[in-house]
């Protein structure tokens, strides 16, 4: 990249309520952030220790902390402020959301672990 900020970085949003996967733009000032699941207390406690996280990643997947079945998508403005949040707290209809794309007045929600695509009519 070129320009006066080349080689620099800044935080867009932090301290999220879950684990982000993908982000998309509606090209009108809103970004849709798909979160795979909500935060997990055990993982939060491991986060400050890269060594322990590396050791856990070497364990069989069956021993990893299990994600809570939960559907979560955030709408962010151009400054990274949360302007809307969409929740499916049971995970029965859609869980572990990995993508959110706005098109034609709807938000389409995808996941690599579901057998369907979510379609939510935007207000």
PDB file of N, CA and C in Angstrom:
ATOM      1  N   UNK A   1       0.835  -1.169   0.000  1.00  0.00           N
ATOM      2  CA  UNK A   1       0.000   0.000   0.000  1.00  0.00           C
ATOM      3  C   UNK A   1       0.884   1.237   0.000  1.00  0.00           C
ATOM      4  N   UNK A   2       0.341   2.287  -0.516  1.00  0.00           N
ATOM      5  CA  UNK A   2       1.075   3.539  -0.590  1.00  0.00           C
ATOM      6  C   UNK A   2       0.327   4.613   0.175  1.00  0.00           C
ATOM      7  N   UNK A   3       1.006   5.726   0.409  1.00  0.00           N
ATOM      8  CA  UNK A   3       0.376   6.854   1.084  1.00  0.00           C
ATOM      9  C   UNK A   3       1.011   7.131   2.424  1.00  0.00           C
ATOM     10  N   UNK A   4       0.534   8.161   3.113  1.00  0.00           N
ATOM     11  CA  UNK A   4       1.162   8.574   4.371  1.00  0.00           C
ATOM     12  C   UNK A   4       1.040   7.549   5.498  1.00  0.00           C
ATOM     13  N   UNK A   5       0.077   6.641   5.415  1.00  0.00           N
ATOM     14  CA  UNK A   5      -0.084   5.637   6.476  1.00  0.00           C
ATOM     15  C   UNK A   5       0.468   4.266   6.068  1.00  0.00           C
ATOM     16  N   UNK A   6       1.197   4.193   4.977  1.00  0.00           N
ATOM     17  CA  UNK A   6       1.765   2.923   4.521  1.00  0.00           C
ATOM     18  C   UNK A   6       2.625   2.319   5.622  1.00  0.00           C
ATOM     19  N   UNK A   7       2.442   1.018   5.846  1.00  0.00           N
ATOM     20  CA  UNK A   7       3.236   0.311   6.852  1.00  0.00           C
ATOM     21  C   UNK A   7       2.744   0.488   8.274  1.00  0.00           C
ATOM     22  N   UNK A   8       1.642   1.194   8.472  1.00  0.00           N
ATOM     23  CA  UNK A   8       1.103   1.372   9.823  1.00  0.00           C
ATOM     24  C   UNK A   8      -0.169   0.552   9.983  1.00  0.00           C
ATOM     25  N   UNK A   9      -0.645   0.476  11.193  1.00  0.00           N
ATOM     26  CA  UNK A   9      -1.919  -0.201  11.455  1.00  0.00           C
ATOM     27  C   UNK A   9      -2.637   0.503  12.594  1.00  0.00           C
ATOM     28  N   UNK A  10      -3.928   0.274  12.662  1.00  0.00           N
ATOM     29  CA  UNK A  10      -4.721   0.794  13.768  1.00  0.00           C
ATOM     30  C   UNK A  10      -5.848  -0.188  14.051  1.00  0.00           C
ATOM     31  N   UNK A  11      -6.334  -0.169  15.263  1.00  0.00           N
ATOM     32  CA  UNK A  11      -7.394  -1.087  15.676  1.00  0.00           C
ATOM     33  C   UNK A  11      -8.733  -0.546  15.186  1.00  0.00           C
ATOM     34  N   UNK A  12      -9.478  -1.391  14.484  1.00  0.00           N
ATOM     35  CA  UNK A  12     -10.802  -1.031  13.999  1.00  0.00           C
ATOM     36  C   UNK A  12     -11.848  -1.318  15.083  1.00  0.00           C
ATOM     37  N   UNK A  13     -11.759  -2.499  15.716  1.00  0.00           N
ATOM     38  CA  UNK A  13     -12.638  -2.870  16.825  1.00  0.00           C
ATOM     39  C   UNK A  13     -11.920  -3.941  17.639  1.00  0.00           C
ATOM     40  N   UNK A  14     -12.096  -3.882  18.948  1.00  0.00           N
ATOM     41  CA  UNK A  14     -11.513  -4.919  19.808  1.00  0.00           C
ATOM     42  C   UNK A  14     -12.505  -5.292  20.900  1.00  0.00           C
ATOM     43  N   UNK A  15     -12.106  -6.241  21.743  1.00  0.00           N
ATOM     44  CA  UNK A  15     -12.945  -6.731  22.839  1.00  0.00           C
ATOM     45  C   UNK A  15     -14.307  -7.193  22.321  1.00  0.00           C
ATOM     46  N   UNK A  16     -14.285  -7.985  21.284  1.00  0.00           N
ATOM     47  CA  UNK A  16     -15.513  -8.487  20.669  1.00  0.00           C
ATOM     48  C   UNK A  16     -16.216  -9.500  21.570  1.00  0.00           C
ATOM     49  N   UNK A  17     -17.539  -9.654  21.412  1.00  0.00           N
ATOM     50  CA  UNK A  17     -18.279 -10.605  22.243  1.00  0.00           C
ATOM     51  C   UNK A  17     -18.147 -12.051  21.779  1.00  0.00           C
ATOM     52  N   UNK A  18     -17.388 -12.276  20.718  1.00  0.00           N
ATOM     53  CA  UNK A  18     -17.218 -13.628  20.194  1.00  0.00           C
ATOM     54  C   UNK A  18     -15.990 -13.706  19.314  1.00  0.00           C
ATOM     55  N   UNK A  19     -15.900 -14.809  18.573  1.00  0.00           N
ATOM     56  CA  UNK A  19     -14.750 -15.081  17.723  1.00  0.00           C
ATOM     57  C   UNK A  19     -15.073 -14.700  16.274  1.00  0.00           C
ATOM     58  N   UNK A  20     -14.456 -13.624  15.760  1.00  0.00           N
ATOM     59  CA  UNK A  20     -14.775 -13.171  14.406  1.00  0.00           C
ATOM     60  C   UNK A  20     -14.268 -14.132  13.344  1.00  0.00           C
ATOM     61  N   UNK A  21     -15.011 -14.187  12.239  1.00  0.00           N
ATOM     62  CA  UNK A  21     -14.599 -15.036  11.129  1.00  0.00           C
ATOM     63  C   UNK A  21     -14.411 -14.213   9.861  1.00  0.00           C
ATOM     64  N   UNK A  22     -15.465 -13.614   9.350  1.00  0.00           N
ATOM     65  CA  UNK A  22     -15.380 -12.820   8.123  1.00  0.00           C
ATOM     66  C   UNK A  22     -16.087 -11.488   8.300  1.00  0.00           C
ATOM     67  N   UNK A  23     -15.697 -10.535   7.467  1.00  0.00           N
ATOM     68  CA  UNK A  23     -16.323  -9.224   7.470  1.00  0.00           C
ATOM     69  C   UNK A  23     -16.627  -8.840   6.015  1.00  0.00           C
ATOM     70  N   UNK A  24     -17.780  -8.208   5.823  1.00  0.00           N
ATOM     71  CA  UNK A  24     -18.151  -7.738   4.486  1.00  0.00           C
ATOM     72  C   UNK A  24     -18.730  -6.337   4.605  1.00  0.00           C
ATOM     73  N   UNK A  25     -18.759  -5.634   3.497  1.00  0.00           N
ATOM     74  CA  UNK A  25     -19.277  -4.271   3.457  1.00  0.00           C
ATOM     75  C   UNK A  25     -20.527  -4.218   2.590  1.00  0.00           C
ATOM     76  N   UNK A  26     -21.479  -3.366   2.985  1.00  0.00           N
ATOM     77  CA  UNK A  26     -22.637  -3.152   2.124  1.00  0.00           C
ATOM     78  C   UNK A  26     -22.400  -1.974   1.180  1.00  0.00           C
ATOM     79  N   UNK A  27     -21.213  -1.378   1.225  1.00  0.00           N
ATOM     80  CA  UNK A  27     -20.809  -0.243   0.388  1.00  0.00           C
ATOM     81  C   UNK A  27     -21.668   0.999   0.635  1.00  0.00           C
ATOM     82  N   UNK A  28     -22.305   1.035   1.827  1.00  0.00           N
ATOM     83  CA  UNK A  28     -23.099   2.195   2.231  1.00  0.00           C
ATOM     84  C   UNK A  28     -22.690   2.646   3.640  1.00  0.00           C
ATOM     85  N   UNK A  29     -21.521   2.192   4.102  1.00  0.00           N
ATOM     86  CA  UNK A  29     -21.030   2.606   5.414  1.00  0.00           C
ATOM     87  C   UNK A  29     -21.220   1.592   6.520  1.00  0.00           C
ATOM     88  N   UNK A  30     -21.761   0.424   6.204  1.00  0.00           N
ATOM     89  CA  UNK A  30     -21.959  -0.618   7.213  1.00  0.00           C
ATOM     90  C   UNK A  30     -21.105  -1.831   6.874  1.00  0.00           C
ATOM     91  N   UNK A  31     -20.479  -2.396   7.906  1.00  0.00           N
ATOM     92  CA  UNK A  31     -19.731  -3.637   7.775  1.00  0.00           C
ATOM     93  C   UNK A  31     -20.449  -4.707   8.589  1.00  0.00           C
ATOM     94  N   UNK A  32     -20.602  -5.883   8.013  1.00  0.00           N
ATOM     95  CA  UNK A  32     -21.217  -7.016   8.697  1.00  0.00           C
ATOM     96  C   UNK A  32     -20.106  -7.970   9.133  1.00  0.00           C
ATOM     97  N   UNK A  33     -20.040  -8.209  10.437  1.00  0.00           N
ATOM     98  CA  UNK A  33     -19.010  -9.076  11.017  1.00  0.00           C
ATOM     99  C   UNK A  33     -19.657 -10.359  11.513  1.00  0.00           C
ATOM    100  N   UNK A  34     -19.277 -11.481  10.915  1.00  0.00           N
ATOM    101  CA  UNK A  34     -19.762 -12.787  11.337  1.00  0.00           C
ATOM    102  C   UNK A  34     -18.886 -13.293  12.478  1.00  0.00           C
ATOM    103  N   UNK A  35     -19.532 -13.744  13.543  1.00  0.00           N
ATOM    104  CA  UNK A  35     -18.797 -14.316  14.679  1.00  0.00           C
ATOM    105  C   UNK A  35     -19.157 -15.794  14.796  1.00  0.00           C
ATOM    106  N   UNK A  36     -18.147 -16.629  14.822  1.00  0.00           N
ATOM    107  CA  UNK A  36     -18.329 -18.085  14.821  1.00  0.00           C
ATOM    108  C   UNK A  36     -19.104 -18.550  16.053  1.00  0.00           C
ATOM    109  N   UNK A  37     -18.782 -17.972  17.201  1.00  0.00           N
ATOM    110  CA  UNK A  37     -19.490 -18.276  18.449  1.00  0.00           C
ATOM    111  C   UNK A  37     -19.162 -17.181  19.454  1.00  0.00           C
ATOM    112  N   UNK A  38     -19.832 -17.238  20.590  1.00  0.00           N
ATOM    113  CA  UNK A  38     -19.559 -16.270  21.649  1.00  0.00           C
ATOM    114  C   UNK A  38     -18.273 -16.647  22.375  1.00  0.00           C
ATOM    115  N   UNK A  39     -17.767 -15.707  23.148  1.00  0.00           N
ATOM    116  CA  UNK A  39     -16.522 -15.945  23.882  1.00  0.00           C
ATOM    117  C   UNK A  39     -16.676 -17.097  24.862  1.00  0.00           C
ATOM    118  N   UNK A  40     -15.560 -17.704  25.178  1.00  0.00           N
ATOM    119  CA  UNK A  40     -15.497 -18.865  26.050  1.00  0.00           C
ATOM    120  C   UNK A  40     -14.541 -18.529  27.197  1.00  0.00           C
ATOM    121  N   UNK A  41     -14.999 -18.681  28.426  1.00  0.00           N
ATOM    122  CA  UNK A  41     -14.190 -18.292  29.585  1.00  0.00           C
ATOM    123  C   UNK A  41     -12.844 -19.026  29.617  1.00  0.00           C
ATOM    124  N   UNK A  42     -12.848 -20.306  29.283  1.00  0.00           N
ATOM    125  CA  UNK A  42     -11.590 -21.076  29.308  1.00  0.00           C
ATOM    126  C   UNK A  42     -10.599 -20.522  28.280  1.00  0.00           C
ATOM    127  N   UNK A  43     -11.081 -20.200  27.090  1.00  0.00           N
ATOM    128  CA  UNK A  43     -10.202 -19.668  26.054  1.00  0.00           C
ATOM    129  C   UNK A  43      -9.728 -18.264  26.431  1.00  0.00           C
ATOM    130  N   UNK A  44     -10.624 -17.464  27.019  1.00  0.00           N
ATOM    131  CA  UNK A  44     -10.223 -16.126  27.474  1.00  0.00           C
ATOM    132  C   UNK A  44      -9.072 -16.204  28.472  1.00  0.00           C
ATOM    133  N   UNK A  45      -9.108 -17.192  29.351  1.00  0.00           N
ATOM    134  CA  UNK A  45      -8.041 -17.334  30.347  1.00  0.00           C
ATOM    135  C   UNK A  45      -6.719 -17.763  29.708  1.00  0.00           C
ATOM    136  N   UNK A  46      -6.793 -18.497  28.604  1.00  0.00           N
ATOM    137  CA  UNK A  46      -5.582 -18.947  27.908  1.00  0.00           C
ATOM    138  C   UNK A  46      -4.971 -17.848  27.032  1.00  0.00           C
ATOM    139  N   UNK A  47      -5.800 -16.904  26.627  1.00  0.00           N
ATOM    140  CA  UNK A  47      -5.366 -15.900  25.656  1.00  0.00           C
ATOM    141  C   UNK A  47      -4.065 -15.176  26.019  1.00  0.00           C
ATOM    142  N   UNK A  48      -3.841 -14.781  27.267  1.00  0.00           N
ATOM    143  CA  UNK A  48      -2.594 -14.071  27.578  1.00  0.00           C
ATOM    144  C   UNK A  48      -1.333 -14.939  27.499  1.00  0.00           C
ATOM    145  N   UNK A  49      -1.508 -16.249  27.335  1.00  0.00           N
ATOM    146  CA  UNK A  49      -0.357 -17.141  27.327  1.00  0.00           C
ATOM    147  C   UNK A  49      -0.199 -17.846  25.978  1.00  0.00           C
ATOM    148  N   UNK A  50       0.613 -17.288  25.078  1.00  0.00           N
ATOM    149  CA  UNK A  50       0.828 -17.938  23.779  1.00  0.00           C
ATOM    150  C   UNK A  50       1.357 -19.370  23.915  1.00  0.00           C
ATOM    151  N   UNK A  51       2.176 -19.617  24.947  1.00  0.00           N
ATOM    152  CA  UNK A  51       2.725 -20.960  25.142  1.00  0.00           C
ATOM    153  C   UNK A  51       1.603 -21.961  25.408  1.00  0.00           C
ATOM    154  N   UNK A  52       0.690 -21.625  26.335  1.00  0.00           N
ATOM    155  CA  UNK A  52      -0.404 -22.545  26.657  1.00  0.00           C
ATOM    156  C   UNK A  52      -1.347 -22.737  25.468  1.00  0.00           C
ATOM    157  N   UNK A  53      -1.593 -21.664  24.714  1.00  0.00           N
ATOM    158  CA  UNK A  53      -2.445 -21.805  23.524  1.00  0.00           C
ATOM    159  C   UNK A  53      -1.790 -22.739  22.515  1.00  0.00           C
ATOM    160  N   UNK A  54      -0.484 -22.622  22.348  1.00  0.00           N
ATOM    161  CA  UNK A  54       0.222 -23.496  21.412  1.00  0.00           C
ATOM    162  C   UNK A  54       0.151 -24.955  21.866  1.00  0.00           C
ATOM    163  N   UNK A  55       0.266 -25.171  23.170  1.00  0.00           N
ATOM    164  CA  UNK A  55       0.184 -26.535  23.690  1.00  0.00           C
ATOM    165  C   UNK A  55      -1.217 -27.113  23.487  1.00  0.00           C
ATOM    166  N   UNK A  56      -2.247 -26.291  23.722  1.00  0.00           N
ATOM    167  CA  UNK A  56      -3.616 -26.770  23.535  1.00  0.00           C
ATOM    168  C   UNK A  56      -3.868 -27.124  22.076  1.00  0.00           C
ATOM    169  N   UNK A  57      -3.294 -26.367  21.159  1.00  0.00           N
ATOM    170  CA  UNK A  57      -3.519 -26.636  19.738  1.00  0.00           C
ATOM    171  C   UNK A  57      -2.925 -27.977  19.315  1.00  0.00           C
ATOM    172  N   UNK A  58      -2.015 -28.520  20.115  1.00  0.00           N
ATOM    173  CA  UNK A  58      -1.401 -29.806  19.800  1.00  0.00           C
ATOM    174  C   UNK A  58      -2.216 -30.981  20.322  1.00  0.00           C
ATOM    175  N   UNK A  59      -3.193 -30.687  21.181  1.00  0.00           N
ATOM    176  CA  UNK A  59      -4.046 -31.742  21.714  1.00  0.00           C
ATOM    177  C   UNK A  59      -5.039 -32.199  20.653  1.00  0.00           C
ATOM    178  N   UNK A  60      -5.576 -33.419  20.796  1.00  0.00           N
ATOM    179  CA  UNK A  60      -6.634 -33.845  19.869  1.00  0.00           C
ATOM    180  C   UNK A  60      -7.824 -32.883  19.963  1.00  0.00           C
ATOM    181  N   UNK A  61      -8.479 -32.635  18.831  1.00  0.00           N
ATOM    182  CA  UNK A  61      -9.602 -31.694  18.799  1.00  0.00           C
ATOM    183  C   UNK A  61     -10.687 -32.038  19.814  1.00  0.00           C
ATOM    184  N   UNK A  62     -10.843 -33.318  20.122  1.00  0.00           N
ATOM    185  CA  UNK A  62     -11.879 -33.732  21.077  1.00  0.00           C
ATOM    186  C   UNK A  62     -11.644 -33.115  22.460  1.00  0.00           C
ATOM    187  N   UNK A  63     -10.426 -32.688  22.756  1.00  0.00           N
ATOM    188  CA  UNK A  63     -10.104 -32.099  24.056  1.00  0.00           C
ATOM    189  C   UNK A  63     -10.146 -30.573  24.052  1.00  0.00           C
ATOM    190  N   UNK A  64     -10.363 -29.971  22.889  1.00  0.00           N
ATOM    191  CA  UNK A  64     -10.439 -28.510  22.809  1.00  0.00           C
ATOM    192  C   UNK A  64     -11.751 -28.021  23.431  1.00  0.00           C
ATOM    193  N   UNK A  65     -11.789 -26.784  23.916  1.00  0.00           N
ATOM    194  CA  UNK A  65     -13.065 -26.238  24.401  1.00  0.00           C
ATOM    195  C   UNK A  65     -14.098 -26.229  23.270  1.00  0.00           C
ATOM    196  N   UNK A  66     -15.299 -26.643  23.585  1.00  0.00           N
ATOM    197  CA  UNK A  66     -16.359 -26.723  22.581  1.00  0.00           C
ATOM    198  C   UNK A  66     -17.023 -25.363  22.382  1.00  0.00           C
ATOM    199  N   UNK A  67     -17.264 -24.970  21.124  1.00  0.00           N
ATOM    200  CA  UNK A  67     -17.978 -23.714  20.893  1.00  0.00           C
ATOM    201  C   UNK A  67     -19.444 -23.857  21.301  1.00  0.00           C
ATOM    202  N   UNK A  68     -19.977 -22.820  21.906  1.00  0.00           N
ATOM    203  CA  UNK A  68     -21.393 -22.811  22.265  1.00  0.00           C
ATOM    204  C   UNK A  68     -22.197 -22.672  20.972  1.00  0.00           C
ATOM    205  N   UNK A  69     -23.261 -23.471  20.795  1.00  0.00           N
ATOM    206  CA  UNK A  69     -24.092 -23.299  19.610  1.00  0.00           C
ATOM    207  C   UNK A  69     -24.823 -21.954  19.688  1.00  0.00           C
ATOM    208  N   UNK A  70     -24.397 -21.017  18.864  1.00  0.00           N
ATOM    209  CA  UNK A  70     -24.900 -19.648  18.955  1.00  0.00           C
ATOM    210  C   UNK A  70     -24.719 -18.981  17.604  1.00  0.00           C
ATOM    211  N   UNK A  71     -25.703 -18.209  17.183  1.00  0.00           N
ATOM    212  CA  UNK A  71     -25.595 -17.418  15.964  1.00  0.00           C
ATOM    213  C   UNK A  71     -25.412 -15.955  16.323  1.00  0.00           C
ATOM    214  N   UNK A  72     -24.376 -15.309  15.769  1.00  0.00           N
ATOM    215  CA  UNK A  72     -24.093 -13.918  16.131  1.00  0.00           C
ATOM    216  C   UNK A  72     -23.465 -13.172  14.953  1.00  0.00           C
ATOM    217  N   UNK A  73     -24.069 -12.027  14.636  1.00  0.00           N
ATOM    218  CA  UNK A  73     -23.561 -11.140  13.595  1.00  0.00           C
ATOM    219  C   UNK A  73     -23.642  -9.714  14.116  1.00  0.00           C
ATOM    220  N   UNK A  74     -22.600  -8.935  13.865  1.00  0.00           N
ATOM    221  CA  UNK A  74     -22.583  -7.528  14.269  1.00  0.00           C
ATOM    222  C   UNK A  74     -22.571  -6.637  13.040  1.00  0.00           C
ATOM    223  N   UNK A  75     -23.306  -5.522  13.130  1.00  0.00           N
ATOM    224  CA  UNK A  75     -23.214  -4.461  12.126  1.00  0.00           C
ATOM    225  C   UNK A  75     -22.331  -3.377  12.725  1.00  0.00           C
ATOM    226  N   UNK A  76     -21.316  -2.957  11.985  1.00  0.00           N
ATOM    227  CA  UNK A  76     -20.376  -1.941  12.445  1.00  0.00           C
ATOM    228  C   UNK A  76     -20.426  -0.747  11.509  1.00  0.00           C
ATOM    229  N   UNK A  77     -20.231   0.447  12.073  1.00  0.00           N
ATOM    230  CA  UNK A  77     -20.116   1.621  11.205  1.00  0.00           C
ATOM    231  C   UNK A  77     -18.656   1.757  10.756  1.00  0.00           C
ATOM    232  N   UNK A  78     -18.361   2.800  10.021  1.00  0.00           N
ATOM    233  CA  UNK A  78     -17.014   2.969   9.468  1.00  0.00           C
ATOM    234  C   UNK A  78     -15.951   3.261  10.512  1.00  0.00           C
ATOM    235  N   UNK A  79     -16.363   3.590  11.733  1.00  0.00           N
ATOM    236  CA  UNK A  79     -15.411   3.825  12.823  1.00  0.00           C
ATOM    237  C   UNK A  79     -15.233   2.580  13.702  1.00  0.00           C
ATOM    238  N   UNK A  80     -15.933   1.489  13.379  1.00  0.00           N
ATOM    239  CA  UNK A  80     -15.820   0.262  14.159  1.00  0.00           C
ATOM    240  C   UNK A  80     -16.766   0.211  15.346  1.00  0.00           C
ATOM    241  N   UNK A  81     -17.754   1.098  15.392  1.00  0.00           N
ATOM    242  CA  UNK A  81     -18.742   1.107  16.474  1.00  0.00           C
ATOM    243  C   UNK A  81     -19.865   0.129  16.126  1.00  0.00           C
ATOM    244  N   UNK A  82     -20.277  -0.680  17.113  1.00  0.00           N
ATOM    245  CA  UNK A  82     -21.377  -1.617  16.897  1.00  0.00           C
ATOM    246  C   UNK A  82     -22.678  -0.823  16.807  1.00  0.00           C
ATOM    247  N   UNK A  83     -23.386  -0.964  15.686  1.00  0.00           N
ATOM    248  CA  UNK A  83     -24.653  -0.255  15.498  1.00  0.00           C
ATOM    249  C   UNK A  83     -25.854  -1.200  15.525  1.00  0.00           C
ATOM    250  N   UNK A  84     -25.591  -2.502  15.443  1.00  0.00           N
ATOM    251  CA  UNK A  84     -26.662  -3.488  15.532  1.00  0.00           C
ATOM    252  C   UNK A  84     -26.032  -4.842  15.818  1.00  0.00           C
ATOM    253  N   UNK A  85     -26.745  -5.671  16.563  1.00  0.00           N
ATOM    254  CA  UNK A  85     -26.282  -7.043  16.767  1.00  0.00           C
ATOM    255  C   UNK A  85     -27.465  -7.983  16.584  1.00  0.00           C
ATOM    256  N   UNK A  86     -27.223  -9.059  15.889  1.00  0.00           N
ATOM    257  CA  UNK A  86     -28.245 -10.068  15.625  1.00  0.00           C
ATOM    258  C   UNK A  86     -27.822 -11.360  16.316  1.00  0.00           C
ATOM    259  N   UNK A  87     -28.721 -11.908  17.137  1.00  0.00           N
ATOM    260  CA  UNK A  87     -28.399 -13.085  17.946  1.00  0.00           C
ATOM    261  C   UNK A  87     -29.391 -14.214  17.680  1.00  0.00           C
ATOM    262  N   UNK A  88     -28.883 -15.421  17.651  1.00  0.00           N
ATOM    263  CA  UNK A  88     -29.692 -16.624  17.670  1.00  0.00           C
ATOM    264  C   UNK A  88     -29.111 -17.472  18.794  1.00  0.00           C
ATOM    265  N   UNK A  89     -29.539 -17.196  20.048  1.00  0.00           N
ATOM    266  CA  UNK A  89     -28.873 -17.769  21.217  1.00  0.00           C
ATOM    267  C   UNK A  89     -29.021 -19.280  21.393  1.00  0.00           C
ATOM    268  N   UNK A  90     -29.971 -19.911  20.712  1.00  0.00           N
ATOM    269  CA  UNK A  90     -30.116 -21.358  20.863  1.00  0.00           C
ATOM    270  C   UNK A  90     -29.254 -22.128  19.862  1.00  0.00           C
ATOM    271  N   UNK A  91     -28.929 -21.492  18.748  1.00  0.00           N
ATOM    272  CA  UNK A  91     -28.177 -22.178  17.708  1.00  0.00           C
ATOM    273  C   UNK A  91     -29.003 -23.200  16.950  1.00  0.00           C
ATOM    274  N   UNK A  92     -30.321 -23.285  17.225  1.00  0.00           N
ATOM    275  CA  UNK A  92     -31.166 -24.283  16.555  1.00  0.00           C
ATOM    276  C   UNK A  92     -31.384 -23.966  15.079  1.00  0.00           C
ATOM    277  N   UNK A  93     -31.525 -22.687  14.748  1.00  0.00           N
ATOM    278  CA  UNK A  93     -31.803 -22.309  13.367  1.00  0.00           C
ATOM    279  C   UNK A  93     -30.521 -22.058  12.574  1.00  0.00           C
ATOM    280  N   UNK A  94     -29.570 -21.398  13.211  1.00  0.00           N
ATOM    281  CA  UNK A  94     -28.303 -21.097  12.541  1.00  0.00           C
ATOM    282  C   UNK A  94     -27.248 -20.868  13.612  1.00  0.00           C
ATOM    283  N   UNK A  95     -26.143 -21.553  13.503  1.00  0.00           N
ATOM    284  CA  UNK A  95     -25.067 -21.409  14.477  1.00  0.00           C
ATOM    285  C   UNK A  95     -23.733 -21.309  13.754  1.00  0.00           C
ATOM    286  N   UNK A  96     -22.718 -20.923  14.503  1.00  0.00           N
ATOM    287  CA  UNK A  96     -21.348 -20.872  13.984  1.00  0.00           C
ATOM    288  C   UNK A  96     -21.296 -20.144  12.634  1.00  0.00           C
ATOM    289  N   UNK A  97     -21.788 -18.912  12.622  1.00  0.00           N
ATOM    290  CA  UNK A  97     -21.866 -18.124  11.390  1.00  0.00           C
ATOM    291  C   UNK A  97     -20.470 -17.689  10.963  1.00  0.00           C
ATOM    292  N   UNK A  98     -20.162 -17.952   9.704  1.00  0.00           N
ATOM    293  CA  UNK A  98     -18.834 -17.631   9.177  1.00  0.00           C
ATOM    294  C   UNK A  98     -18.865 -16.554   8.095  1.00  0.00           C
ATOM    295  N   UNK A  99     -20.069 -16.184   7.629  1.00  0.00           N
ATOM    296  CA  UNK A  99     -20.157 -15.125   6.626  1.00  0.00           C
ATOM    297  C   UNK A  99     -21.516 -14.448   6.692  1.00  0.00           C
ATOM    298  N   UNK A 100     -21.521 -13.156   6.394  1.00  0.00           N
ATOM    299  CA  UNK A 100     -22.750 -12.370   6.343  1.00  0.00           C
ATOM    300  C   UNK A 100     -22.626 -11.414   5.164  1.00  0.00           C
ATOM    301  N   UNK A 101     -23.611 -11.440   4.281  1.00  0.00           N
ATOM    302  CA  UNK A 101     -23.567 -10.612   3.070  1.00  0.00           C
ATOM    303  C   UNK A 101     -24.927  -9.965   2.867  1.00  0.00           C
ATOM    304  N   UNK A 102     -24.926  -8.644   2.751  1.00  0.00           N
ATOM    305  CA  UNK A 102     -26.159  -7.900   2.513  1.00  0.00           C
ATOM    306  C   UNK A 102     -26.427  -7.808   1.014  1.00  0.00           C
ATOM    307  N   UNK A 103     -27.688  -8.125   0.639  1.00  0.00           N
ATOM    308  CA  UNK A 103     -28.062  -8.045  -0.772  1.00  0.00           C
ATOM    309  C   UNK A 103     -29.582  -7.919  -0.886  1.00  0.00           C
ATOM    310  N   UNK A 104     -30.039  -6.915  -1.612  1.00  0.00           N
ATOM    311  CA  UNK A 104     -31.455  -6.768  -1.911  1.00  0.00           C
ATOM    312  C   UNK A 104     -32.367  -6.655  -0.698  1.00  0.00           C
ATOM    313  N   UNK A 105     -31.908  -6.004   0.359  1.00  0.00           N
ATOM    314  CA  UNK A 105     -32.732  -5.825   1.545  1.00  0.00           C
ATOM    315  C   UNK A 105     -32.699  -6.992   2.522  1.00  0.00           C
ATOM    316  N   UNK A 106     -31.851  -7.956   2.250  1.00  0.00           N
ATOM    317  CA  UNK A 106     -31.714  -9.123   3.127  1.00  0.00           C
ATOM    318  C   UNK A 106     -30.255  -9.273   3.551  1.00  0.00           C
ATOM    319  N   UNK A 107     -30.076  -9.959   4.657  1.00  0.00           N
ATOM    320  CA  UNK A 107     -28.749 -10.357   5.104  1.00  0.00           C
ATOM    321  C   UNK A 107     -28.691 -11.873   4.972  1.00  0.00           C
ATOM    322  N   UNK A 108     -27.755 -12.359   4.168  1.00  0.00           N
ATOM    323  CA  UNK A 108     -27.583 -13.789   3.972  1.00  0.00           C
ATOM    324  C   UNK A 108     -26.449 -14.261   4.877  1.00  0.00           C
ATOM    325  N   UNK A 109     -26.709 -15.350   5.611  1.00  0.00           N
ATOM    326  CA  UNK A 109     -25.781 -15.833   6.634  1.00  0.00           C
ATOM    327  C   UNK A 109     -25.362 -17.257   6.305  1.00  0.00           C
ATOM    328  N   UNK A 110     -24.063 -17.473   6.278  1.00  0.00           N
ATOM    329  CA  UNK A 110     -23.548 -18.793   5.954  1.00  0.00           C
ATOM    330  C   UNK A 110     -22.665 -19.350   7.048  1.00  0.00           C
ATOM    331  N   UNK A 111     -22.489 -20.663   7.006  1.00  0.00           N
ATOM    332  CA  UNK A 111     -21.615 -21.358   7.943  1.00  0.00           C
ATOM    333  C   UNK A 111     -21.149 -22.654   7.306  1.00  0.00           C
ATOM    334  N   UNK A 112     -19.909 -23.019   7.589  1.00  0.00           N
ATOM    335  CA  UNK A 112     -19.409 -24.284   7.045  1.00  0.00           C
ATOM    336  C   UNK A 112     -19.973 -25.486   7.795  1.00  0.00           C
ATOM    337  N   UNK A 113     -20.668 -25.249   8.923  1.00  0.00           N
ATOM    338  CA  UNK A 113     -21.191 -26.357   9.735  1.00  0.00           C
ATOM    339  C   UNK A 113     -22.704 -26.489   9.687  1.00  0.00           C
ATOM    340  N   UNK A 114     -23.394 -25.695   8.869  1.00  0.00           N
ATOM    341  CA  UNK A 114     -24.846 -25.795   8.762  1.00  0.00           C
ATOM    342  C   UNK A 114     -25.221 -26.392   7.413  1.00  0.00           C
ATOM    343  N   UNK A 115     -26.433 -26.925   7.345  1.00  0.00           N
ATOM    344  CA  UNK A 115     -26.926 -27.477   6.089  1.00  0.00           C
ATOM    345  C   UNK A 115     -27.900 -26.505   5.412  1.00  0.00           C
ATOM    346  N   UNK A 116     -27.779 -25.209   5.755  1.00  0.00           N
ATOM    347  CA  UNK A 116     -28.668 -24.192   5.207  1.00  0.00           C
ATOM    348  C   UNK A 116     -27.978 -22.837   5.205  1.00  0.00           C
ATOM    349  N   UNK A 117     -28.591 -21.902   4.511  1.00  0.00           N
ATOM    350  CA  UNK A 117     -28.142 -20.508   4.518  1.00  0.00           C
ATOM    351  C   UNK A 117     -29.241 -19.697   5.177  1.00  0.00           C
ATOM    352  N   UNK A 118     -28.872 -18.822   6.108  1.00  0.00           N
ATOM    353  CA  UNK A 118     -29.857 -17.965   6.755  1.00  0.00           C
ATOM    354  C   UNK A 118     -30.190 -16.776   5.887  1.00  0.00           C
ATOM    355  N   UNK A 119     -31.445 -16.338   5.949  1.00  0.00           N
ATOM    356  CA  UNK A 119     -31.903 -15.160   5.204  1.00  0.00           C
ATOM    357  C   UNK A 119     -32.707 -14.315   6.179  1.00  0.00           C
ATOM    358  N   UNK A 120     -32.202 -13.096   6.443  1.00  0.00           N
ATOM    359  CA  UNK A 120     -32.827 -12.203   7.413  1.00  0.00           C
ATOM    360  C   UNK A 120     -33.225 -10.905   6.702  1.00  0.00           C
ATOM    361  N   UNK A 121     -34.508 -10.554   6.799  1.00  0.00           N
ATOM    362  CA  UNK A 121     -34.976  -9.310   6.169  1.00  0.00           C
ATOM    363  C   UNK A 121     -34.517  -8.136   7.021  1.00  0.00           C
ATOM    364  N   UNK A 122     -33.788  -7.216   6.413  1.00  0.00           N
ATOM    365  CA  UNK A 122     -33.301  -6.045   7.122  1.00  0.00           C
ATOM    366  C   UNK A 122     -34.411  -4.995   7.227  1.00  0.00           C
ATOM    367  N   UNK A 123     -34.493  -4.303   8.365  1.00  0.00           N
ATOM    368  CA  UNK A 123     -35.532  -3.281   8.520  1.00  0.00           C
ATOM    369  C   UNK A 123     -35.300  -2.096   7.607  1.00  0.00           C
TER     370      UNK A 123
END
